Every structure is written in C-alpha cells, then in structure tokens.
Amino acid sequence: MYTWDRKKIGKNLRIMRVKKDLSQAELAEALGVAQGHYSNIESGKRQLSLHLLAMICEKYGVNPAEIIADIDEPSTSPGPEDEKAEV
C-alpha cells in the first residue's frame, strides 16, 4: 500500500502558495476550509484529502503529481493575473 509523504506534500504546497503570494488564510478561504486545517496540511500534521487535492490543482492549474511528487520546486502555471506584458 502506498502512502503519501505528508511532509513533502506540505512543503510542495507551501512553495506553490508562496509563489502565488497567498497567505494560508487567503488560500484556506478560497478552498472553503479553516486556516488551521490548511496549516496542519502544510506542516504535515494532517493528510491531504483527494477532494482538497483536486481543488488545489484546479486553483493552481497543476497536475496532482506536482503536489505529491518528491520535487524541490513544484511549478505553478501562471494565471492571467501572473502574466506580464512583454515590452
């Protein structure tokens, strides 16, 4: 049976959130969960549910593998607000 590494997932989630310049409270509100619950996921104290994983992937525009994989720098696809006009 495969189990997810909660610490690695939390680290990846934190990296993605910081890249998007979001606080835990802002992201938790957007996902419809308590900030404390989201904080526990990022710190590896709680397991990330499949439902919440799907919501986060949709919000960031990433594949679930980018969140659950053992990678140093998960990518975040730029949303329209992140794109900068070329000069």
PDB file of N, CA and C in Angstrom:
ATOM      1  N   MET A   1       0.840  -1.184   0.000  1.00  0.00           N
ATOM      2  CA  MET A   1       0.000   0.000   0.000  1.00  0.00           C
ATOM      3  C   MET A   1       0.882   1.243   0.000  1.00  0.00           C
ATOM      4  N   TYR A   2       0.570   2.159  -0.887  1.00  0.00           N
ATOM      5  CA  TYR A   2       1.330   3.401  -0.991  1.00  0.00           C
ATOM      6  C   TYR A   2       0.715   4.460  -0.085  1.00  0.00           C
ATOM      7  N   THR A   3       1.546   5.133   0.668  1.00  0.00           N
ATOM      8  CA  THR A   3       1.074   6.257   1.472  1.00  0.00           C
ATOM      9  C   THR A   3       1.825   7.507   1.045  1.00  0.00           C
ATOM     10  N   TRP A   4       1.141   8.599   1.058  1.00  0.00           N
ATOM     11  CA  TRP A   4       1.737   9.875   0.680  1.00  0.00           C
ATOM     12  C   TRP A   4       2.618  10.379   1.810  1.00  0.00           C
ATOM     13  N   ASP A   5       3.699  11.030   1.448  1.00  0.00           N
ATOM     14  CA  ASP A   5       4.581  11.653   2.419  1.00  0.00           C
ATOM     15  C   ASP A   5       4.008  13.034   2.739  1.00  0.00           C
ATOM     16  N   ARG A   6       3.371  13.131   3.902  1.00  0.00           N
ATOM     17  CA  ARG A   6       2.685  14.382   4.266  1.00  0.00           C
ATOM     18  C   ARG A   6       3.628  15.568   4.357  1.00  0.00           C
ATOM     19  N   LYS A   7       4.851  15.353   4.815  1.00  0.00           N
ATOM     20  CA  LYS A   7       5.818  16.458   4.935  1.00  0.00           C
ATOM     21  C   LYS A   7       6.197  16.997   3.557  1.00  0.00           C
ATOM     22  N   LYS A   8       6.450  16.104   2.601  1.00  0.00           N
ATOM     23  CA  LYS A   8       6.827  16.540   1.252  1.00  0.00           C
ATOM     24  C   LYS A   8       5.663  17.249   0.572  1.00  0.00           C
ATOM     25  N   ILE A   9       4.469  16.727   0.748  1.00  0.00           N
ATOM     26  CA  ILE A   9       3.291  17.366   0.171  1.00  0.00           C
ATOM     27  C   ILE A   9       3.119  18.760   0.768  1.00  0.00           C
ATOM     28  N   GLY A  10       3.251  18.860   2.074  1.00  0.00           N
ATOM     29  CA  GLY A  10       3.131  20.159   2.735  1.00  0.00           C
ATOM     30  C   GLY A  10       4.168  21.150   2.234  1.00  0.00           C
ATOM     31  N   LYS A  11       5.399  20.673   2.046  1.00  0.00           N
ATOM     32  CA  LYS A  11       6.466  21.535   1.530  1.00  0.00           C
ATOM     33  C   LYS A  11       6.125  22.022   0.127  1.00  0.00           C
ATOM     34  N   ASN A  12       5.665  21.110  -0.731  1.00  0.00           N
ATOM     35  CA  ASN A  12       5.291  21.490  -2.095  1.00  0.00           C
ATOM     36  C   ASN A  12       4.139  22.493  -2.090  1.00  0.00           C
ATOM     37  N   LEU A  13       3.147  22.264  -1.237  1.00  0.00           N
ATOM     38  CA  LEU A  13       2.014  23.182  -1.152  1.00  0.00           C
ATOM     39  C   LEU A  13       2.463  24.568  -0.699  1.00  0.00           C
ATOM     40  N   ARG A  14       3.361  24.608   0.270  1.00  0.00           N
ATOM     41  CA  ARG A  14       3.836  25.898   0.764  1.00  0.00           C
ATOM     42  C   ARG A  14       4.590  26.647  -0.338  1.00  0.00           C
ATOM     43  N   ILE A  15       5.456  25.947  -1.062  1.00  0.00           N
ATOM     44  CA  ILE A  15       6.212  26.577  -2.146  1.00  0.00           C
ATOM     45  C   ILE A  15       5.257  27.170  -3.175  1.00  0.00           C
ATOM     46  N   MET A  16       4.243  26.404  -3.556  1.00  0.00           N
ATOM     47  CA  MET A  16       3.278  26.880  -4.553  1.00  0.00           C
ATOM     48  C   MET A  16       2.500  28.085  -4.037  1.00  0.00           C
ATOM     49  N   ARG A  17       2.092  28.025  -2.767  1.00  0.00           N
ATOM     50  CA  ARG A  17       1.307  29.126  -2.192  1.00  0.00           C
ATOM     51  C   ARG A  17       2.128  30.404  -2.137  1.00  0.00           C
ATOM     52  N   VAL A  18       3.377  30.289  -1.710  1.00  0.00           N
ATOM     53  CA  VAL A  18       4.246  31.462  -1.608  1.00  0.00           C
ATOM     54  C   VAL A  18       4.518  32.047  -2.990  1.00  0.00           C
ATOM     55  N   LYS A  19       4.724  31.175  -3.998  1.00  0.00           N
ATOM     56  CA  LYS A  19       4.937  31.665  -5.363  1.00  0.00           C
ATOM     57  C   LYS A  19       3.743  32.467  -5.864  1.00  0.00           C
ATOM     58  N   LYS A  20       2.550  32.114  -5.409  1.00  0.00           N
ATOM     59  CA  LYS A  20       1.335  32.833  -5.810  1.00  0.00           C
ATOM     60  C   LYS A  20       1.057  34.037  -4.902  1.00  0.00           C
ATOM     61  N   ASP A  21       1.954  34.267  -3.923  1.00  0.00           N
ATOM     62  CA  ASP A  21       1.827  35.390  -2.995  1.00  0.00           C
ATOM     63  C   ASP A  21       0.499  35.344  -2.235  1.00  0.00           C
ATOM     64  N   LEU A  22       0.167  34.155  -1.739  1.00  0.00           N
ATOM     65  CA  LEU A  22      -1.049  33.973  -0.956  1.00  0.00           C
ATOM     66  C   LEU A  22      -0.700  33.635   0.482  1.00  0.00           C
ATOM     67  N   SER A  23      -1.506  34.117   1.403  1.00  0.00           N
ATOM     68  CA  SER A  23      -1.356  33.697   2.792  1.00  0.00           C
ATOM     69  C   SER A  23      -2.119  32.392   2.981  1.00  0.00           C
ATOM     70  N   GLN A  24      -1.833  31.696   4.055  1.00  0.00           N
ATOM     71  CA  GLN A  24      -2.594  30.481   4.347  1.00  0.00           C
ATOM     72  C   GLN A  24      -4.076  30.818   4.519  1.00  0.00           C
ATOM     73  N   ALA A  25      -4.360  31.928   5.164  1.00  0.00           N
ATOM     74  CA  ALA A  25      -5.747  32.316   5.396  1.00  0.00           C
ATOM     75  C   ALA A  25      -6.472  32.582   4.073  1.00  0.00           C
ATOM     76  N   GLU A  26      -5.808  33.266   3.147  1.00  0.00           N
ATOM     77  CA  GLU A  26      -6.430  33.551   1.845  1.00  0.00           C
ATOM     78  C   GLU A  26      -6.713  32.274   1.072  1.00  0.00           C
ATOM     79  N   LEU A  27      -5.748  31.364   1.046  1.00  0.00           N
ATOM     80  CA  LEU A  27      -5.937  30.121   0.309  1.00  0.00           C
ATOM     81  C   LEU A  27      -6.986  29.248   0.982  1.00  0.00           C
ATOM     82  N   ALA A  28      -6.942  29.158   2.299  1.00  0.00           N
ATOM     83  CA  ALA A  28      -7.925  28.360   3.021  1.00  0.00           C
ATOM     84  C   ALA A  28      -9.343  28.861   2.748  1.00  0.00           C
ATOM     85  N   GLU A  29      -9.517  30.164   2.745  1.00  0.00           N
ATOM     86  CA  GLU A  29     -10.831  30.740   2.459  1.00  0.00           C
ATOM     87  C   GLU A  29     -11.282  30.386   1.042  1.00  0.00           C
ATOM     88  N   ALA A  30     -10.377  30.490   0.080  1.00  0.00           N
ATOM     89  CA  ALA A  30     -10.711  30.161  -1.307  1.00  0.00           C
ATOM     90  C   ALA A  30     -11.080  28.690  -1.465  1.00  0.00           C
ATOM     91  N   LEU A  31     -10.478  27.836  -0.634  1.00  0.00           N
ATOM     92  CA  LEU A  31     -10.759  26.402  -0.702  1.00  0.00           C
ATOM     93  C   LEU A  31     -11.945  25.995   0.168  1.00  0.00           C
ATOM     94  N   GLY A  32     -12.417  26.901   1.018  1.00  0.00           N
ATOM     95  CA  GLY A  32     -13.554  26.599   1.880  1.00  0.00           C
ATOM     96  C   GLY A  32     -13.208  25.754   3.091  1.00  0.00           C
ATOM     97  N   VAL A  33     -11.962  25.901   3.572  1.00  0.00           N
ATOM     98  CA  VAL A  33     -11.548  25.176   4.778  1.00  0.00           C
ATOM     99  C   VAL A  33     -11.012  26.178   5.796  1.00  0.00           C
ATOM    100  N   ALA A  34     -10.919  25.745   7.029  1.00  0.00           N
ATOM    101  CA  ALA A  34     -10.375  26.605   8.077  1.00  0.00           C
ATOM    102  C   ALA A  34      -8.874  26.784   7.876  1.00  0.00           C
ATOM    103  N   GLN A  35      -8.363  27.951   8.241  1.00  0.00           N
ATOM    104  CA  GLN A  35      -6.940  28.231   8.092  1.00  0.00           C
ATOM    105  C   GLN A  35      -6.125  27.234   8.906  1.00  0.00           C
ATOM    106  N   GLY A  36      -6.589  26.884  10.083  1.00  0.00           N
ATOM    107  CA  GLY A  36      -5.882  25.921  10.929  1.00  0.00           C
ATOM    108  C   GLY A  36      -5.780  24.548  10.277  1.00  0.00           C
ATOM    109  N   HIS A  37      -6.845  24.141   9.602  1.00  0.00           N
ATOM    110  CA  HIS A  37      -6.841  22.865   8.886  1.00  0.00           C
ATOM    111  C   HIS A  37      -5.802  22.887   7.768  1.00  0.00           C
ATOM    112  N   TYR A  38      -5.804  23.960   6.981  1.00  0.00           N
ATOM    113  CA  TYR A  38      -4.834  24.070   5.901  1.00  0.00           C
ATOM    114  C   TYR A  38      -3.413  24.133   6.456  1.00  0.00           C
ATOM    115  N   SER A  39      -3.214  24.849   7.537  1.00  0.00           N
ATOM    116  CA  SER A  39      -1.900  24.940   8.168  1.00  0.00           C
ATOM    117  C   SER A  39      -1.392  23.559   8.578  1.00  0.00           C
ATOM    118  N   ASN A  40      -2.288  22.743   9.119  1.00  0.00           N
ATOM    119  CA  ASN A  40      -1.907  21.387   9.524  1.00  0.00           C
ATOM    120  C   ASN A  40      -1.526  20.521   8.322  1.00  0.00           C
ATOM    121  N   ILE A  41      -2.138  20.753   7.182  1.00  0.00           N
ATOM    122  CA  ILE A  41      -1.772  20.021   5.962  1.00  0.00           C
ATOM    123  C   ILE A  41      -0.376  20.449   5.518  1.00  0.00           C
ATOM    124  N   GLU A  42      -0.125  21.751   5.483  1.00  0.00           N
ATOM    125  CA  GLU A  42       1.191  22.252   5.063  1.00  0.00           C
ATOM    126  C   GLU A  42       2.301  21.796   6.000  1.00  0.00           C
ATOM    127  N   SER A  43       1.993  21.672   7.279  1.00  0.00           N
ATOM    128  CA  SER A  43       3.021  21.260   8.237  1.00  0.00           C
ATOM    129  C   SER A  43       3.172  19.745   8.310  1.00  0.00           C
ATOM    130  N   GLY A  44       2.321  19.015   7.593  1.00  0.00           N
ATOM    131  CA  GLY A  44       2.411  17.563   7.577  1.00  0.00           C
ATOM    132  C   GLY A  44       1.708  16.876   8.725  1.00  0.00           C
ATOM    133  N   LYS A  45       0.917  17.621   9.492  1.00  0.00           N
ATOM    134  CA  LYS A  45       0.192  17.035  10.622  1.00  0.00           C
ATOM    135  C   LYS A  45      -1.094  16.344  10.191  1.00  0.00           C
ATOM    136  N   ARG A  46      -1.627  16.751   9.047  1.00  0.00           N
ATOM    137  CA  ARG A  46      -2.866  16.156   8.528  1.00  0.00           C
ATOM    138  C   ARG A  46      -2.637  15.697   7.097  1.00  0.00           C
ATOM    139  N   GLN A  47      -3.368  14.661   6.729  1.00  0.00           N
ATOM    140  CA  GLN A  47      -3.306  14.130   5.368  1.00  0.00           C
ATOM    141  C   GLN A  47      -4.161  14.997   4.446  1.00  0.00           C
ATOM    142  N   LEU A  48      -3.684  15.237   3.251  1.00  0.00           N
ATOM    143  CA  LEU A  48      -4.426  15.971   2.235  1.00  0.00           C
ATOM    144  C   LEU A  48      -5.469  15.050   1.618  1.00  0.00           C
ATOM    145  N   SER A  49      -6.727  15.459   1.623  1.00  0.00           N
ATOM    146  CA  SER A  49      -7.786  14.638   1.030  1.00  0.00           C
ATOM    147  C   SER A  49      -7.743  14.750  -0.488  1.00  0.00           C
ATOM    148  N   LEU A  50      -8.287  13.750  -1.158  1.00  0.00           N
ATOM    149  CA  LEU A  50      -8.347  13.790  -2.616  1.00  0.00           C
ATOM    150  C   LEU A  50      -9.193  14.966  -3.094  1.00  0.00           C
ATOM    151  N   HIS A  51     -10.269  15.249  -2.386  1.00  0.00           N
ATOM    152  CA  HIS A  51     -11.135  16.368  -2.757  1.00  0.00           C
ATOM    153  C   HIS A  51     -10.371  17.691  -2.700  1.00  0.00           C
ATOM    154  N   LEU A  52      -9.640  17.895  -1.614  1.00  0.00           N
ATOM    155  CA  LEU A  52      -8.870  19.137  -1.465  1.00  0.00           C
ATOM    156  C   LEU A  52      -7.715  19.175  -2.464  1.00  0.00           C
ATOM    157  N   LEU A  53      -7.099  18.042  -2.723  1.00  0.00           N
ATOM    158  CA  LEU A  53      -6.047  17.966  -3.735  1.00  0.00           C
ATOM    159  C   LEU A  53      -6.586  18.426  -5.084  1.00  0.00           C
ATOM    160  N   ALA A  54      -7.758  17.941  -5.455  1.00  0.00           N
ATOM    161  CA  ALA A  54      -8.359  18.330  -6.732  1.00  0.00           C
ATOM    162  C   ALA A  54      -8.648  19.831  -6.772  1.00  0.00           C
ATOM    163  N   MET A  55      -9.136  20.379  -5.673  1.00  0.00           N
ATOM    164  CA  MET A  55      -9.436  21.815  -5.628  1.00  0.00           C
ATOM    165  C   MET A  55      -8.155  22.650  -5.758  1.00  0.00           C
ATOM    166  N   ILE A  56      -7.092  22.221  -5.088  1.00  0.00           N
ATOM    167  CA  ILE A  56      -5.829  22.950  -5.147  1.00  0.00           C
ATOM    168  C   ILE A  56      -5.243  22.880  -6.555  1.00  0.00           C
ATOM    169  N   CYS A  57      -5.309  21.697  -7.160  1.00  0.00           N
ATOM    170  CA  CYS A  57      -4.803  21.541  -8.530  1.00  0.00           C
ATOM    171  C   CYS A  57      -5.542  22.463  -9.489  1.00  0.00           C
ATOM    172  N   GLU A  58      -6.848  22.561  -9.329  1.00  0.00           N
ATOM    173  CA  GLU A  58      -7.640  23.440 -10.182  1.00  0.00           C
ATOM    174  C   GLU A  58      -7.251  24.900  -9.957  1.00  0.00           C
ATOM    175  N   LYS A  59      -7.083  25.276  -8.692  1.00  0.00           N
ATOM    176  CA  LYS A  59      -6.737  26.667  -8.375  1.00  0.00           C
ATOM    177  C   LYS A  59      -5.369  27.049  -8.946  1.00  0.00           C
ATOM    178  N   TYR A  60      -4.396  26.150  -8.831  1.00  0.00           N
ATOM    179  CA  TYR A  60      -3.043  26.433  -9.305  1.00  0.00           C
ATOM    180  C   TYR A  60      -2.819  26.050 -10.764  1.00  0.00           C
ATOM    181  N   GLY A  61      -3.721  25.275 -11.338  1.00  0.00           N
ATOM    182  CA  GLY A  61      -3.542  24.822 -12.715  1.00  0.00           C
ATOM    183  C   GLY A  61      -2.386  23.843 -12.856  1.00  0.00           C
ATOM    184  N   VAL A  62      -2.266  22.933 -11.892  1.00  0.00           N
ATOM    185  CA  VAL A  62      -1.183  21.951 -11.914  1.00  0.00           C
ATOM    186  C   VAL A  62      -1.743  20.536 -11.899  1.00  0.00           C
ATOM    187  N   ASN A  63      -0.877  19.589 -12.212  1.00  0.00           N
ATOM    188  CA  ASN A  63      -1.194  18.173 -12.161  1.00  0.00           C
ATOM    189  C   ASN A  63      -1.000  17.697 -10.717  1.00  0.00           C
ATOM    190  N   PRO A  64      -1.835  16.775 -10.225  1.00  0.00           N
ATOM    191  CA  PRO A  64      -1.657  16.285  -8.855  1.00  0.00           C
ATOM    192  C   PRO A  64      -0.250  15.752  -8.570  1.00  0.00           C
ATOM    193  N   ALA A  65       0.399  15.192  -9.582  1.00  0.00           N
ATOM    194  CA  ALA A  65       1.752  14.665  -9.382  1.00  0.00           C
ATOM    195  C   ALA A  65       2.721  15.754  -8.939  1.00  0.00           C
ATOM    196  N   GLU A  66       2.480  16.977  -9.347  1.00  0.00           N
ATOM    197  CA  GLU A  66       3.359  18.082  -8.958  1.00  0.00           C
ATOM    198  C   GLU A  66       3.245  18.395  -7.473  1.00  0.00           C
ATOM    199  N   ILE A  67       2.140  18.018  -6.871  1.00  0.00           N
ATOM    200  CA  ILE A  67       1.943  18.263  -5.444  1.00  0.00           C
ATOM    201  C   ILE A  67       2.427  17.073  -4.619  1.00  0.00           C
ATOM    202  N   ILE A  68       2.154  15.865  -5.077  1.00  0.00           N
ATOM    203  CA  ILE A  68       2.507  14.693  -4.269  1.00  0.00           C
ATOM    204  C   ILE A  68       3.897  14.152  -4.566  1.00  0.00           C
ATOM    205  N   ALA A  69       4.538  14.640  -5.632  1.00  0.00           N
ATOM    206  CA  ALA A  69       5.864  14.147  -6.008  1.00  0.00           C
ATOM    207  C   ALA A  69       6.941  14.687  -5.087  1.00  0.00           C
ATOM    208  N   ASP A  70       8.056  13.985  -5.071  1.00  0.00           N
ATOM    209  CA  ASP A  70       9.211  14.412  -4.294  1.00  0.00           C
ATOM    210  C   ASP A  70      10.084  15.283  -5.186  1.00  0.00           C
ATOM    211  N   ILE A  71       9.719  16.569  -5.256  1.00  0.00           N
ATOM    212  CA  ILE A  71      10.455  17.511  -6.089  1.00  0.00           C
ATOM    213  C   ILE A  71      10.825  18.724  -5.261  1.00  0.00           C
ATOM    214  N   ASP A  72      11.885  19.399  -5.672  1.00  0.00           N
ATOM    215  CA  ASP A  72      12.347  20.565  -4.916  1.00  0.00           C
ATOM    216  C   ASP A  72      11.531  21.807  -5.204  1.00  0.00           C
ATOM    217  N   GLU A  73      11.187  22.028  -6.455  1.00  0.00           N
ATOM    218  CA  GLU A  73      10.482  23.242  -6.836  1.00  0.00           C
ATOM    219  C   GLU A  73       9.275  22.907  -7.698  1.00  0.00           C
ATOM    220  N   PRO A  74       8.105  22.675  -7.084  1.00  0.00           N
ATOM    221  CA  PRO A  74       6.927  22.432  -7.908  1.00  0.00           C
ATOM    222  C   PRO A  74       6.594  23.674  -8.730  1.00  0.00           C
ATOM    223  N   SER A  75       6.102  23.449  -9.933  1.00  0.00           N
ATOM    224  CA  SER A  75       5.776  24.589 -10.783  1.00  0.00           C
ATOM    225  C   SER A  75       4.362  25.051 -10.503  1.00  0.00           C
ATOM    226  N   THR A  76       4.102  26.277 -10.835  1.00  0.00           N
ATOM    227  CA  THR A  76       2.739  26.784 -10.832  1.00  0.00           C
ATOM    228  C   THR A  76       2.543  27.434 -12.176  1.00  0.00           C
ATOM    229  N   SER A  77       1.512  27.032 -12.847  1.00  0.00           N
ATOM    230  CA  SER A  77       1.217  27.623 -14.141  1.00  0.00           C
ATOM    231  C   SER A  77       0.747  29.040 -13.920  1.00  0.00           C
ATOM    232  N   PRO A  78       1.259  29.988 -14.687  1.00  0.00           N
ATOM    233  CA  PRO A  78       0.838  31.371 -14.474  1.00  0.00           C
ATOM    234  C   PRO A  78      -0.626  31.555 -14.862  1.00  0.00           C
ATOM    235  N   GLY A  79      -1.347  32.196 -13.987  1.00  0.00           N
ATOM    236  CA  GLY A  79      -2.725  32.540 -14.306  1.00  0.00           C
ATOM    237  C   GLY A  79      -2.727  33.879 -15.028  1.00  0.00           C
ATOM    238  N   PRO A  80      -3.881  34.326 -15.476  1.00  0.00           N
ATOM    239  CA  PRO A  80      -3.937  35.601 -16.187  1.00  0.00           C
ATOM    240  C   PRO A  80      -3.382  36.765 -15.380  1.00  0.00           C
ATOM    241  N   GLU A  81      -3.550  36.710 -14.043  1.00  0.00           N
ATOM    242  CA  GLU A  81      -3.054  37.801 -13.228  1.00  0.00           C
ATOM    243  C   GLU A  81      -1.545  37.750 -13.074  1.00  0.00           C
ATOM    244  N   ASP A  82      -0.919  36.588 -13.373  1.00  0.00           N
ATOM    245  CA  ASP A  82       0.517  36.440 -13.224  1.00  0.00           C
ATOM    246  C   ASP A  82       1.279  36.806 -14.505  1.00  0.00           C
ATOM    247  N   GLU A  83       0.586  36.835 -15.628  1.00  0.00           N
ATOM    248  CA  GLU A  83       1.267  37.094 -16.888  1.00  0.00           C
ATOM    249  C   GLU A  83       1.628  38.567 -16.988  1.00  0.00           C
ATOM    250  N   LYS A  84       2.820  38.804 -17.447  1.00  0.00           N
ATOM    251  CA  LYS A  84       3.277  40.184 -17.588  1.00  0.00           C
ATOM    252  C   LYS A  84       3.378  40.513 -19.071  1.00  0.00           C
ATOM    253  N   ALA A  85       3.048  41.708 -19.402  1.00  0.00           N
ATOM    254  CA  ALA A  85       3.112  42.133 -20.805  1.00  0.00           C
ATOM    255  C   ALA A  85       4.563  42.252 -21.215  1.00  0.00           C
ATOM    256  N   GLU A  86       4.844  41.794 -22.432  1.00  0.00           N
ATOM    257  CA  GLU A  86       6.203  41.920 -22.946  1.00  0.00           C
ATOM    258  C   GLU A  86       6.419  43.354 -23.416  1.00  0.00           C
ATOM    259  N   VAL A  87       7.609  43.855 -23.150  1.00  0.00           N
ATOM    260  CA  VAL A  87       7.930  45.238 -23.507  1.00  0.00           C
ATOM    261  C   VAL A  87       8.741  45.291 -24.756  1.00  0.00           C
TER     262      VAL A  87
END
